[in-house]
Amino acid sequence: MNLDTIQQDIESLPPDAQQIIVQLVEFLKKRYLLNQQESSENSLQDWSDFIGCIEAETDLSKNYKNYLDRELNQKYDHS
């Protein structure tokens, strides 16, 4: 089903049925936005307990590979 077909189907309905469709769309938009907000809040809550739980270099997010390589070499390089 494409948008043009849906639009034609809606236009063929009586005005009270069209109003029901408008209300349904508004309800679904609110429900979707509410679920999306709750999801983003939950994902932040899941990780917020970890904020500040360790100390690390300030540029770790950019240079993590360098730090990891150095640490692994120190730990496992026995040459």
Protein backbone atom coordinates (compact mmCIF):
# COMPACT_ATOMS: atom_id res chain seq x y z
CA MET A 1 0.00 0.00 0.00
CA ASN A 2 1.39 3.42 -0.92
CA LEU A 3 0.65 6.88 0.43
CA ASP A 4 -1.51 7.90 -2.54
CA THR A 5 -3.76 4.87 -2.14
CA ILE A 6 -4.12 5.51 1.59
CA GLN A 7 -4.94 9.16 0.94
CA GLN A 8 -7.59 8.22 -1.63
CA ASP A 9 -9.10 5.67 0.76
CA ILE A 10 -9.29 8.23 3.55
CA GLU A 11 -10.83 10.85 1.25
CA SER A 12 -13.54 8.37 0.25
CA LEU A 13 -14.65 7.97 3.87
CA PRO A 14 -17.32 10.12 5.50
CA PRO A 15 -16.07 13.09 7.59
CA ASP A 16 -16.71 11.38 10.94
CA ALA A 17 -14.59 8.38 9.86
CA GLN A 18 -11.85 10.75 8.66
CA GLN A 19 -11.89 12.43 12.07
CA ILE A 20 -11.44 9.03 13.75
CA ILE A 21 -8.39 8.40 11.57
CA VAL A 22 -6.95 11.81 12.53
CA GLN A 23 -7.48 11.00 16.20
CA LEU A 24 -5.87 7.58 15.77
CA VAL A 25 -2.82 9.12 14.09
CA GLU A 26 -2.48 11.68 16.91
CA PHE A 27 -2.78 8.90 19.49
CA LEU A 28 -0.13 6.80 17.75
CA LYS A 29 2.24 9.79 17.45
CA LYS A 30 1.93 10.52 21.16
CA ARG A 31 2.37 6.87 22.07
CA TYR A 32 5.41 6.50 19.81
CA LEU A 33 7.04 9.67 21.14
CA LEU A 34 6.34 8.61 24.72
CA ASN A 35 7.85 5.15 24.11
CA GLN A 36 10.85 6.73 22.40
CA GLN A 37 11.40 9.11 25.32
CA GLU A 38 11.07 6.30 27.86
CA SER A 39 13.51 4.18 25.87
CA SER A 40 16.13 6.93 25.76
CA GLU A 41 15.62 7.65 29.48
CA ASN A 42 16.01 3.96 30.30
CA SER A 43 19.19 3.66 28.28
CA LEU A 44 20.61 6.68 30.09
CA GLN A 45 19.56 5.25 33.46
CA ASP A 46 21.21 1.95 32.62
CA TRP A 47 24.57 3.65 32.06
CA SER A 48 24.32 6.55 34.49
CA ASP A 49 25.50 4.41 37.40
CA PHE A 50 28.83 3.93 35.62
CA ILE A 51 29.57 7.63 35.12
CA GLY A 52 32.54 8.57 37.27
CA CYS A 53 33.18 5.04 38.53
CA ILE A 54 36.73 4.90 37.10
CA GLU A 55 39.55 7.28 36.35
CA ALA A 56 40.99 7.41 32.85
CA GLU A 57 42.86 9.63 30.45
CA THR A 58 40.80 12.58 29.23
CA ASP A 59 41.37 11.63 25.59
CA LEU A 60 40.55 7.95 26.06
CA SER A 61 37.54 8.06 23.72
CA LYS A 62 39.79 9.25 20.88
CA ASN A 63 42.97 7.30 21.62
CA TYR A 64 41.70 4.11 23.21
CA LYS A 65 43.50 1.93 20.65
CA ASN A 66 46.84 3.48 21.53
CA TYR A 67 46.25 3.01 25.25
CA LEU A 68 45.03 -0.56 24.76
CA ASP A 69 48.02 -1.42 22.58
CA ARG A 70 50.43 0.02 25.14
CA GLU A 71 48.81 -1.80 28.06
CA LEU A 72 48.69 -5.13 26.23
CA ASN A 73 52.32 -4.80 25.20
CA GLN A 74 53.31 -4.10 28.80
CA LYS A 75 51.32 -7.06 30.03
CA TYR A 76 52.15 -9.68 27.37
CA ASP A 77 55.36 -8.54 25.65
CA HIS A 78 57.99 -10.70 27.36
CA SER A 79 60.76 -10.34 24.81
